[in-house]
Amino acid sequence: MALTKKQVRQLRAMANQLKPLVQIGKGDLSDNVIKQADETIEKRELIKVQVLDGSGIDAKEAAQGLADRMGAEVVQVIGNRAVLYRRSHRDDIEHIQLVRE
């Protein structure tokens, strides 16, 4: 599912007040990090990821790697942080209503 420019703009605005919920450190994209990110994005649909200084990869590589392995979309990457989006399969949460073009 590719996001449109309007949808990316909407999600970027929503992500401004988010705090990083997933941190990637020395272990890079370990199974535990991917599992934590997958559980978090399933609950919230929009998450911010932070890549710590000790990591061997940069934020762009980390975001793309997580997105590929979780079936998510990279919304933006700025500095050492990235924002990812994936629609949740759960019915007990309030879903983000994306704008239509």
PDB file of N, CA and C in Angstrom:
ATOM      1  N   MET A   1       0.844  -1.176   0.000  1.00  0.00           N
ATOM      2  CA  MET A   1       0.000   0.000   0.000  1.00  0.00           C
ATOM      3  C   MET A   1       0.892   1.243   0.000  1.00  0.00           C
ATOM      4  N   ALA A   2       0.866   1.978  -1.056  1.00  0.00           N
ATOM      5  CA  ALA A   2       1.666   3.193  -1.137  1.00  0.00           C
ATOM      6  C   ALA A   2       0.842   4.377  -0.631  1.00  0.00           C
ATOM      7  N   LEU A   3       1.485   5.209   0.153  1.00  0.00           N
ATOM      8  CA  LEU A   3       0.816   6.392   0.685  1.00  0.00           C
ATOM      9  C   LEU A   3       0.899   7.533  -0.328  1.00  0.00           C
ATOM     10  N   THR A   4      -0.175   8.314  -0.406  1.00  0.00           N
ATOM     11  CA  THR A   4      -0.164   9.489  -1.267  1.00  0.00           C
ATOM     12  C   THR A   4       0.551  10.626  -0.544  1.00  0.00           C
ATOM     13  N   LYS A   5       0.836  11.696  -1.268  1.00  0.00           N
ATOM     14  CA  LYS A   5       1.521  12.836  -0.661  1.00  0.00           C
ATOM     15  C   LYS A   5       0.676  13.467   0.442  1.00  0.00           C
ATOM     16  N   LYS A   6      -0.636  13.525   0.233  1.00  0.00           N
ATOM     17  CA  LYS A   6      -1.519  14.102   1.253  1.00  0.00           C
ATOM     18  C   LYS A   6      -1.527  13.231   2.505  1.00  0.00           C
ATOM     19  N   GLN A   7      -1.538  11.930   2.327  1.00  0.00           N
ATOM     20  CA  GLN A   7      -1.532  11.020   3.464  1.00  0.00           C
ATOM     21  C   GLN A   7      -0.218  11.112   4.230  1.00  0.00           C
ATOM     22  N   VAL A   8       0.895  11.215   3.509  1.00  0.00           N
ATOM     23  CA  VAL A   8       2.200  11.364   4.161  1.00  0.00           C
ATOM     24  C   VAL A   8       2.226  12.656   4.966  1.00  0.00           C
ATOM     25  N   ARG A   9       1.712  13.724   4.394  1.00  0.00           N
ATOM     26  CA  ARG A   9       1.673  15.010   5.096  1.00  0.00           C
ATOM     27  C   ARG A   9       0.821  14.909   6.368  1.00  0.00           C
ATOM     28  N   GLN A  10      -0.316  14.223   6.271  1.00  0.00           N
ATOM     29  CA  GLN A  10      -1.192  14.032   7.426  1.00  0.00           C
ATOM     30  C   GLN A  10      -0.484  13.234   8.521  1.00  0.00           C
ATOM     31  N   LEU A  11       0.167  12.146   8.148  1.00  0.00           N
ATOM     32  CA  LEU A  11       0.848  11.298   9.132  1.00  0.00           C
ATOM     33  C   LEU A  11       2.050  12.004   9.745  1.00  0.00           C
ATOM     34  N   ARG A  12       2.766  12.794   8.957  1.00  0.00           N
ATOM     35  CA  ARG A  12       3.899  13.559   9.488  1.00  0.00           C
ATOM     36  C   ARG A  12       3.425  14.550  10.541  1.00  0.00           C
ATOM     37  N   ALA A  13       2.301  15.197  10.291  1.00  0.00           N
ATOM     38  CA  ALA A  13       1.748  16.146  11.258  1.00  0.00           C
ATOM     39  C   ALA A  13       1.342  15.423  12.544  1.00  0.00           C
ATOM     40  N   MET A  14       0.759  14.244  12.404  1.00  0.00           N
ATOM     41  CA  MET A  14       0.344  13.467  13.578  1.00  0.00           C
ATOM     42  C   MET A  14       1.556  12.982  14.379  1.00  0.00           C
ATOM     43  N   ALA A  15       2.658  12.725  13.700  1.00  0.00           N
ATOM     44  CA  ALA A  15       3.850  12.174  14.355  1.00  0.00           C
ATOM     45  C   ALA A  15       4.656  13.225  15.102  1.00  0.00           C
ATOM     46  N   ASN A  16       4.380  14.502  14.876  1.00  0.00           N
ATOM     47  CA  ASN A  16       5.152  15.561  15.522  1.00  0.00           C
ATOM     48  C   ASN A  16       5.201  15.418  17.035  1.00  0.00           C
ATOM     49  N   GLN A  17       4.071  15.113  17.666  1.00  0.00           N
ATOM     50  CA  GLN A  17       4.036  15.057  19.123  1.00  0.00           C
ATOM     51  C   GLN A  17       4.386  13.678  19.679  1.00  0.00           C
ATOM     52  N   LEU A  18       4.647  12.712  18.830  1.00  0.00           N
ATOM     53  CA  LEU A  18       4.992  11.367  19.307  1.00  0.00           C
ATOM     54  C   LEU A  18       6.406  11.321  19.875  1.00  0.00           C
ATOM     55  N   LYS A  19       6.579  10.495  20.877  1.00  0.00           N
ATOM     56  CA  LYS A  19       7.909  10.217  21.416  1.00  0.00           C
ATOM     57  C   LYS A  19       8.372   8.880  20.825  1.00  0.00           C
ATOM     58  N   PRO A  20       9.676   8.695  20.648  1.00  0.00           N
ATOM     59  CA  PRO A  20      10.156   7.414  20.105  1.00  0.00           C
ATOM     60  C   PRO A  20       9.809   6.256  21.043  1.00  0.00           C
ATOM     61  N   LEU A  21       9.113   5.265  20.528  1.00  0.00           N
ATOM     62  CA  LEU A  21       8.703   4.109  21.321  1.00  0.00           C
ATOM     63  C   LEU A  21       9.601   2.906  21.081  1.00  0.00           C
ATOM     64  N   VAL A  22      10.359   2.933  20.012  1.00  0.00           N
ATOM     65  CA  VAL A  22      11.271   1.842  19.684  1.00  0.00           C
ATOM     66  C   VAL A  22      12.660   2.447  19.510  1.00  0.00           C
ATOM     67  N   GLN A  23      13.640   1.852  20.199  1.00  0.00           N
ATOM     68  CA  GLN A  23      15.013   2.322  20.081  1.00  0.00           C
ATOM     69  C   GLN A  23      15.890   1.209  19.527  1.00  0.00           C
ATOM     70  N   ILE A  24      16.713   1.567  18.559  1.00  0.00           N
ATOM     71  CA  ILE A  24      17.610   0.608  17.935  1.00  0.00           C
ATOM     72  C   ILE A  24      19.028   0.957  18.368  1.00  0.00           C
ATOM     73  N   GLY A  25      19.693  -0.005  19.010  1.00  0.00           N
ATOM     74  CA  GLY A  25      21.034   0.232  19.536  1.00  0.00           C
ATOM     75  C   GLY A  25      22.065  -0.660  18.891  1.00  0.00           C
ATOM     76  N   LYS A  26      22.970  -1.194  19.723  1.00  0.00           N
ATOM     77  CA  LYS A  26      24.084  -2.005  19.219  1.00  0.00           C
ATOM     78  C   LYS A  26      23.636  -3.239  18.466  1.00  0.00           C
ATOM     79  N   GLY A  27      22.516  -3.827  18.871  1.00  0.00           N
ATOM     80  CA  GLY A  27      22.045  -5.054  18.229  1.00  0.00           C
ATOM     81  C   GLY A  27      21.435  -4.831  16.857  1.00  0.00           C
ATOM     82  N   ASP A  28      21.364  -3.583  16.424  1.00  0.00           N
ATOM     83  CA  ASP A  28      20.751  -3.218  15.144  1.00  0.00           C
ATOM     84  C   ASP A  28      19.335  -3.782  15.045  1.00  0.00           C
ATOM     85  N   LEU A  29      18.987  -4.396  13.930  1.00  0.00           N
ATOM     86  CA  LEU A  29      17.623  -4.910  13.740  1.00  0.00           C
ATOM     87  C   LEU A  29      17.517  -6.364  14.196  1.00  0.00           C
ATOM     88  N   SER A  30      17.640  -6.570  15.493  1.00  0.00           N
ATOM     89  CA  SER A  30      17.532  -7.921  16.048  1.00  0.00           C
ATOM     90  C   SER A  30      16.070  -8.363  16.037  1.00  0.00           C
ATOM     91  N   ASP A  31      15.854  -9.654  16.269  1.00  0.00           N
ATOM     92  CA  ASP A  31      14.492 -10.187  16.306  1.00  0.00           C
ATOM     93  C   ASP A  31      13.668  -9.532  17.400  1.00  0.00           C
ATOM     94  N   ASN A  32      14.306  -9.217  18.541  1.00  0.00           N
ATOM     95  CA  ASN A  32      13.584  -8.580  19.637  1.00  0.00           C
ATOM     96  C   ASN A  32      13.111  -7.181  19.262  1.00  0.00           C
ATOM     97  N   VAL A  33      13.946  -6.424  18.577  1.00  0.00           N
ATOM     98  CA  VAL A  33      13.574  -5.073  18.150  1.00  0.00           C
ATOM     99  C   VAL A  33      12.416  -5.147  17.159  1.00  0.00           C
ATOM    100  N   ILE A  34      12.481  -6.070  16.240  1.00  0.00           N
ATOM    101  CA  ILE A  34      11.419  -6.212  15.245  1.00  0.00           C
ATOM    102  C   ILE A  34      10.119  -6.645  15.905  1.00  0.00           C
ATOM    103  N   LYS A  35      10.207  -7.562  16.869  1.00  0.00           N
ATOM    104  CA  LYS A  35       9.016  -8.005  17.585  1.00  0.00           C
ATOM    105  C   LYS A  35       8.400  -6.849  18.368  1.00  0.00           C
ATOM    106  N   GLN A  36       9.239  -6.069  19.047  1.00  0.00           N
ATOM    107  CA  GLN A  36       8.743  -4.926  19.820  1.00  0.00           C
ATOM    108  C   GLN A  36       8.084  -3.896  18.892  1.00  0.00           C
ATOM    109  N   ALA A  37       8.724  -3.598  17.777  1.00  0.00           N
ATOM    110  CA  ALA A  37       8.170  -2.638  16.824  1.00  0.00           C
ATOM    111  C   ALA A  37       6.859  -3.141  16.236  1.00  0.00           C
ATOM    112  N   ASP A  38       6.788  -4.435  15.936  1.00  0.00           N
ATOM    113  CA  ASP A  38       5.569  -5.020  15.369  1.00  0.00           C
ATOM    114  C   ASP A  38       4.414  -4.937  16.356  1.00  0.00           C
ATOM    115  N   GLU A  39       4.663  -5.260  17.618  1.00  0.00           N
ATOM    116  CA  GLU A  39       3.622  -5.180  18.644  1.00  0.00           C
ATOM    117  C   GLU A  39       3.168  -3.732  18.848  1.00  0.00           C
ATOM    118  N   THR A  40       4.118  -2.816  18.847  1.00  0.00           N
ATOM    119  CA  THR A  40       3.793  -1.408  19.072  1.00  0.00           C
ATOM    120  C   THR A  40       2.999  -0.827  17.911  1.00  0.00           C
ATOM    121  N   ILE A  41       3.399  -1.128  16.683  1.00  0.00           N
ATOM    122  CA  ILE A  41       2.686  -0.570  15.530  1.00  0.00           C
ATOM    123  C   ILE A  41       1.298  -1.188  15.399  1.00  0.00           C
ATOM    124  N   GLU A  42       1.125  -2.404  15.889  1.00  0.00           N
ATOM    125  CA  GLU A  42      -0.193  -3.040  15.848  1.00  0.00           C
ATOM    126  C   GLU A  42      -1.152  -2.345  16.811  1.00  0.00           C
ATOM    127  N   LYS A  43      -0.626  -1.808  17.915  1.00  0.00           N
ATOM    128  CA  LYS A  43      -1.459  -1.099  18.897  1.00  0.00           C
ATOM    129  C   LYS A  43      -1.739   0.340  18.496  1.00  0.00           C
ATOM    130  N   ARG A  44      -0.772   0.989  17.800  1.00  0.00           N
ATOM    131  CA  ARG A  44      -0.861   2.433  17.578  1.00  0.00           C
ATOM    132  C   ARG A  44      -0.956   2.857  16.123  1.00  0.00           C
ATOM    133  N   GLU A  45      -0.559   2.022  15.198  1.00  0.00           N
ATOM    134  CA  GLU A  45      -0.547   2.271  13.755  1.00  0.00           C
ATOM    135  C   GLU A  45       0.541   3.241  13.302  1.00  0.00           C
ATOM    136  N   LEU A  46       0.934   4.192  14.133  1.00  0.00           N
ATOM    137  CA  LEU A  46       1.946   5.188  13.773  1.00  0.00           C
ATOM    138  C   LEU A  46       2.969   5.224  14.897  1.00  0.00           C
ATOM    139  N   ILE A  47       4.231   4.918  14.573  1.00  0.00           N
ATOM    140  CA  ILE A  47       5.260   4.902  15.617  1.00  0.00           C
ATOM    141  C   ILE A  47       6.481   5.687  15.160  1.00  0.00           C
ATOM    142  N   LYS A  48       7.203   6.174  16.161  1.00  0.00           N
ATOM    143  CA  LYS A  48       8.462   6.862  15.909  1.00  0.00           C
ATOM    144  C   LYS A  48       9.577   5.966  16.437  1.00  0.00           C
ATOM    145  N   VAL A  49      10.612   5.800  15.644  1.00  0.00           N
ATOM    146  CA  VAL A  49      11.747   4.942  15.970  1.00  0.00           C
ATOM    147  C   VAL A  49      12.989   5.815  16.099  1.00  0.00           C
ATOM    148  N   GLN A  50      13.807   5.535  17.102  1.00  0.00           N
ATOM    149  CA  GLN A  50      15.054   6.271  17.286  1.00  0.00           C
ATOM    150  C   GLN A  50      16.226   5.320  17.148  1.00  0.00           C
ATOM    151  N   VAL A  51      17.232   5.729  16.372  1.00  0.00           N
ATOM    152  CA  VAL A  51      18.453   4.947  16.211  1.00  0.00           C
ATOM    153  C   VAL A  51      19.519   5.584  17.102  1.00  0.00           C
ATOM    154  N   LEU A  52      20.035   4.819  18.050  1.00  0.00           N
ATOM    155  CA  LEU A  52      21.021   5.338  18.991  1.00  0.00           C
ATOM    156  C   LEU A  52      22.400   5.408  18.346  1.00  0.00           C
ATOM    157  N   ASP A  53      23.301   6.181  18.972  1.00  0.00           N
ATOM    158  CA  ASP A  53      24.640   6.406  18.413  1.00  0.00           C
ATOM    159  C   ASP A  53      25.461   5.124  18.274  1.00  0.00           C
ATOM    160  N   GLY A  54      25.269   4.151  19.153  1.00  0.00           N
ATOM    161  CA  GLY A  54      26.067   2.932  19.120  1.00  0.00           C
ATOM    162  C   GLY A  54      25.676   1.958  18.022  1.00  0.00           C
ATOM    163  N   SER A  55      24.623   2.264  17.306  1.00  0.00           N
ATOM    164  CA  SER A  55      24.136   1.359  16.265  1.00  0.00           C
ATOM    165  C   SER A  55      25.034   1.416  15.035  1.00  0.00           C
ATOM    166  N   GLY A  56      25.115   0.303  14.331  1.00  0.00           N
ATOM    167  CA  GLY A  56      25.943   0.231  13.132  1.00  0.00           C
ATOM    168  C   GLY A  56      25.228   0.655  11.870  1.00  0.00           C
ATOM    169  N   ILE A  57      23.946   0.995  11.975  1.00  0.00           N
ATOM    170  CA  ILE A  57      23.181   1.420  10.802  1.00  0.00           C
ATOM    171  C   ILE A  57      22.608   2.818  11.054  1.00  0.00           C
ATOM    172  N   ASP A  58      22.262   3.510   9.974  1.00  0.00           N
ATOM    173  CA  ASP A  58      21.666   4.831  10.154  1.00  0.00           C
ATOM    174  C   ASP A  58      20.137   4.713  10.157  1.00  0.00           C
ATOM    175  N   ALA A  59      19.473   5.817  10.413  1.00  0.00           N
ATOM    176  CA  ALA A  59      18.013   5.812  10.564  1.00  0.00           C
ATOM    177  C   ALA A  59      17.303   5.393   9.275  1.00  0.00           C
ATOM    178  N   LYS A  60      17.845   5.790   8.134  1.00  0.00           N
ATOM    179  CA  LYS A  60      17.210   5.442   6.856  1.00  0.00           C
ATOM    180  C   LYS A  60      17.246   3.930   6.619  1.00  0.00           C
ATOM    181  N   GLU A  61      18.409   3.321   6.875  1.00  0.00           N
ATOM    182  CA  GLU A  61      18.533   1.857   6.721  1.00  0.00           C
ATOM    183  C   GLU A  61      17.642   1.130   7.723  1.00  0.00           C
ATOM    184  N   ALA A  62      17.609   1.629   8.968  1.00  0.00           N
ATOM    185  CA  ALA A  62      16.796   0.996  10.007  1.00  0.00           C
ATOM    186  C   ALA A  62      15.315   1.082   9.658  1.00  0.00           C
ATOM    187  N   ALA A  63      14.872   2.252   9.210  1.00  0.00           N
ATOM    188  CA  ALA A  63      13.469   2.438   8.864  1.00  0.00           C
ATOM    189  C   ALA A  63      13.063   1.522   7.709  1.00  0.00           C
ATOM    190  N   GLN A  64      13.891   1.462   6.679  1.00  0.00           N
ATOM    191  CA  GLN A  64      13.565   0.617   5.530  1.00  0.00           C
ATOM    192  C   GLN A  64      13.583  -0.863   5.907  1.00  0.00           C
ATOM    193  N   GLY A  65      14.557  -1.254   6.736  1.00  0.00           N
ATOM    194  CA  GLY A  65      14.620  -2.646   7.188  1.00  0.00           C
ATOM    195  C   GLY A  65      13.416  -3.039   8.015  1.00  0.00           C
ATOM    196  N   LEU A  66      13.012  -2.172   8.936  1.00  0.00           N
ATOM    197  CA  LEU A  66      11.819  -2.450   9.747  1.00  0.00           C
ATOM    198  C   LEU A  66      10.575  -2.494   8.871  1.00  0.00           C
ATOM    199  N   ALA A  67      10.435  -1.533   7.983  1.00  0.00           N
ATOM    200  CA  ALA A  67       9.253  -1.473   7.118  1.00  0.00           C
ATOM    201  C   ALA A  67       9.135  -2.728   6.257  1.00  0.00           C
ATOM    202  N   ASP A  68      10.256  -3.168   5.702  1.00  0.00           N
ATOM    203  CA  ASP A  68      10.236  -4.370   4.857  1.00  0.00           C
ATOM    204  C   ASP A  68       9.824  -5.603   5.648  1.00  0.00           C
ATOM    205  N   ARG A  69      10.346  -5.738   6.851  1.00  0.00           N
ATOM    206  CA  ARG A  69      10.091  -6.949   7.641  1.00  0.00           C
ATOM    207  C   ARG A  69       8.732  -6.930   8.331  1.00  0.00           C
ATOM    208  N   MET A  70       8.126  -5.739   8.498  1.00  0.00           N
ATOM    209  CA  MET A  70       6.832  -5.653   9.173  1.00  0.00           C
ATOM    210  C   MET A  70       5.687  -5.350   8.216  1.00  0.00           C
ATOM    211  N   GLY A  71       5.976  -5.061   6.964  1.00  0.00           N
ATOM    212  CA  GLY A  71       4.923  -4.695   6.022  1.00  0.00           C
ATOM    213  C   GLY A  71       4.384  -3.301   6.288  1.00  0.00           C
ATOM    214  N   ALA A  72       5.253  -2.390   6.718  1.00  0.00           N
ATOM    215  CA  ALA A  72       4.845  -1.027   7.045  1.00  0.00           C
ATOM    216  C   ALA A  72       5.349  -0.056   5.980  1.00  0.00           C
ATOM    217  N   GLU A  73       4.939   1.191   6.115  1.00  0.00           N
ATOM    218  CA  GLU A  73       5.368   2.264   5.219  1.00  0.00           C
ATOM    219  C   GLU A  73       6.250   3.242   5.986  1.00  0.00           C
ATOM    220  N   VAL A  74       7.339   3.682   5.378  1.00  0.00           N
ATOM    221  CA  VAL A  74       8.178   4.720   5.967  1.00  0.00           C
ATOM    222  C   VAL A  74       7.532   6.062   5.642  1.00  0.00           C
ATOM    223  N   VAL A  75       7.167   6.809   6.684  1.00  0.00           N
ATOM    224  CA  VAL A  75       6.533   8.109   6.488  1.00  0.00           C
ATOM    225  C   VAL A  75       7.597   9.184   6.308  1.00  0.00           C
ATOM    226  N   GLN A  76       8.591   9.187   7.216  1.00  0.00           N
ATOM    227  CA  GLN A  76       9.680  10.157   7.099  1.00  0.00           C
ATOM    228  C   GLN A  76      10.869   9.709   7.924  1.00  0.00           C
ATOM    229  N   VAL A  77      12.032  10.215   7.552  1.00  0.00           N
ATOM    230  CA  VAL A  77      13.266   9.996   8.298  1.00  0.00           C
ATOM    231  C   VAL A  77      13.932  11.355   8.462  1.00  0.00           C
ATOM    232  N   ILE A  78      14.170  11.742   9.714  1.00  0.00           N
ATOM    233  CA  ILE A  78      14.862  12.999   9.999  1.00  0.00           C
ATOM    234  C   ILE A  78      15.922  12.708  11.051  1.00  0.00           C
ATOM    235  N   GLY A  79      17.164  12.978  10.720  1.00  0.00           N
ATOM    236  CA  GLY A  79      18.255  12.759  11.675  1.00  0.00           C
ATOM    237  C   GLY A  79      18.352  11.305  12.067  1.00  0.00           C
ATOM    238  N   ASN A  80      18.244  11.029  13.369  1.00  0.00           N
ATOM    239  CA  ASN A  80      18.331   9.656  13.864  1.00  0.00           C
ATOM    240  C   ASN A  80      16.958   9.093  14.210  1.00  0.00           C
ATOM    241  N   ARG A  81      15.908   9.695  13.689  1.00  0.00           N
ATOM    242  CA  ARG A  81      14.544   9.232  13.965  1.00  0.00           C
ATOM    243  C   ARG A  81      13.787   8.970  12.671  1.00  0.00           C
ATOM    244  N   ALA A  82      12.869   8.019  12.773  1.00  0.00           N
ATOM    245  CA  ALA A  82      12.039   7.668  11.624  1.00  0.00           C
ATOM    246  C   ALA A  82      10.613   7.435  12.099  1.00  0.00           C
ATOM    247  N   VAL A  83       9.665   7.644  11.197  1.00  0.00           N
ATOM    248  CA  VAL A  83       8.254   7.423  11.495  1.00  0.00           C
ATOM    249  C   VAL A  83       7.743   6.351  10.542  1.00  0.00           C
ATOM    250  N   LEU A  84       7.051   5.354  11.114  1.00  0.00           N
ATOM    251  CA  LEU A  84       6.498   4.248  10.334  1.00  0.00           C
ATOM    252  C   LEU A  84       4.994   4.162  10.547  1.00  0.00           C
ATOM    253  N   TYR A  85       4.274   3.721   9.507  1.00  0.00           N
ATOM    254  CA  TYR A  85       2.818   3.555   9.582  1.00  0.00           C
ATOM    255  C   TYR A  85       2.430   2.201   9.014  1.00  0.00           C
ATOM    256  N   ARG A  86       1.486   1.562   9.699  1.00  0.00           N
ATOM    257  CA  ARG A  86       0.852   0.352   9.181  1.00  0.00           C
ATOM    258  C   ARG A  86      -0.537   0.257   9.792  1.00  0.00           C
ATOM    259  N   ARG A  87      -1.532   0.028   8.989  1.00  0.00           N
ATOM    260  CA  ARG A  87      -2.894  -0.114   9.504  1.00  0.00           C
ATOM    261  C   ARG A  87      -2.968  -1.376  10.347  1.00  0.00           C
ATOM    262  N   SER A  88      -3.584  -1.242  11.511  1.00  0.00           N
ATOM    263  CA  SER A  88      -3.688  -2.361  12.443  1.00  0.00           C
ATOM    264  C   SER A  88      -4.805  -3.315  12.023  1.00  0.00           C
ATOM    265  N   HIS A  89      -4.644  -4.576  12.389  1.00  0.00           N
ATOM    266  CA  HIS A  89      -5.667  -5.581  12.122  1.00  0.00           C
ATOM    267  C   HIS A  89      -6.635  -5.698  13.291  1.00  0.00           C
ATOM    268  N   ARG A  90      -6.329  -5.033  14.389  1.00  0.00           N
ATOM    269  CA  ARG A  90      -7.158  -5.124  15.586  1.00  0.00           C
ATOM    270  C   ARG A  90      -8.419  -4.277  15.440  1.00  0.00           C
ATOM    271  N   ASP A  91      -9.512  -4.758  16.047  1.00  0.00           N
ATOM    272  CA  ASP A  91     -10.778  -4.029  16.001  1.00  0.00           C
ATOM    273  C   ASP A  91     -11.008  -3.203  17.262  1.00  0.00           C
ATOM    274  N   ASP A  92     -10.200  -3.424  18.303  1.00  0.00           N
ATOM    275  CA  ASP A  92     -10.433  -2.755  19.587  1.00  0.00           C
ATOM    276  C   ASP A  92      -9.683  -1.435  19.723  1.00  0.00           C
ATOM    277  N   ILE A  93      -9.097  -0.930  18.634  1.00  0.00           N
ATOM    278  CA  ILE A  93      -8.413   0.364  18.684  1.00  0.00           C
ATOM    279  C   ILE A  93      -9.077   1.314  17.694  1.00  0.00           C
ATOM    280  N   GLU A  94      -8.830   2.597  17.899  1.00  0.00           N
ATOM    281  CA  GLU A  94      -9.345   3.590  16.967  1.00  0.00           C
ATOM    282  C   GLU A  94      -8.345   3.737  15.822  1.00  0.00           C
ATOM    283  N   HIS A  95      -8.789   3.429  14.616  1.00  0.00           N
ATOM    284  CA  HIS A  95      -7.910   3.475  13.450  1.00  0.00           C
ATOM    285  C   HIS A  95      -7.714   4.917  12.978  1.00  0.00           C
ATOM    286  N   ILE A  96      -6.543   5.181  12.409  1.00  0.00           N
ATOM    287  CA  ILE A  96      -6.263   6.479  11.812  1.00  0.00           C
ATOM    288  C   ILE A  96      -7.024   6.571  10.494  1.00  0.00           C
ATOM    289  N   GLN A  97      -7.804   7.628  10.339  1.00  0.00           N
ATOM    290  CA  GLN A  97      -8.552   7.840   9.103  1.00  0.00           C
ATOM    291  C   GLN A  97      -7.694   8.664   8.144  1.00  0.00           C
ATOM    292  N   LEU A  98      -7.166   7.998   7.143  1.00  0.00           N
ATOM    293  CA  LEU A  98      -6.308   8.673   6.166  1.00  0.00           C
ATOM    294  C   LEU A  98      -7.163   9.462   5.180  1.00  0.00           C
ATOM    295  N   VAL A  99      -6.649  10.631   4.781  1.00  0.00           N
ATOM    296  CA  VAL A  99      -7.359  11.449   3.787  1.00  0.00           C
ATOM    297  C   VAL A  99      -7.291  10.746   2.430  1.00  0.00           C
ATOM    298  N   ARG A 100      -8.274  11.035   1.602  1.00  0.00           N
ATOM    299  CA  ARG A 100      -8.300  10.477   0.251  1.00  0.00           C
ATOM    300  C   ARG A 100      -8.045  11.609  -0.741  1.00  0.00           C
ATOM    301  N   GLU A 101      -7.355  11.283  -1.808  1.00  0.00           N
ATOM    302  CA  GLU A 101      -7.086  12.319  -2.827  1.00  0.00           C
ATOM    303  C   GLU A 101      -8.170  12.342  -3.857  1.00  0.00           C
TER     304      GLU A 101
END
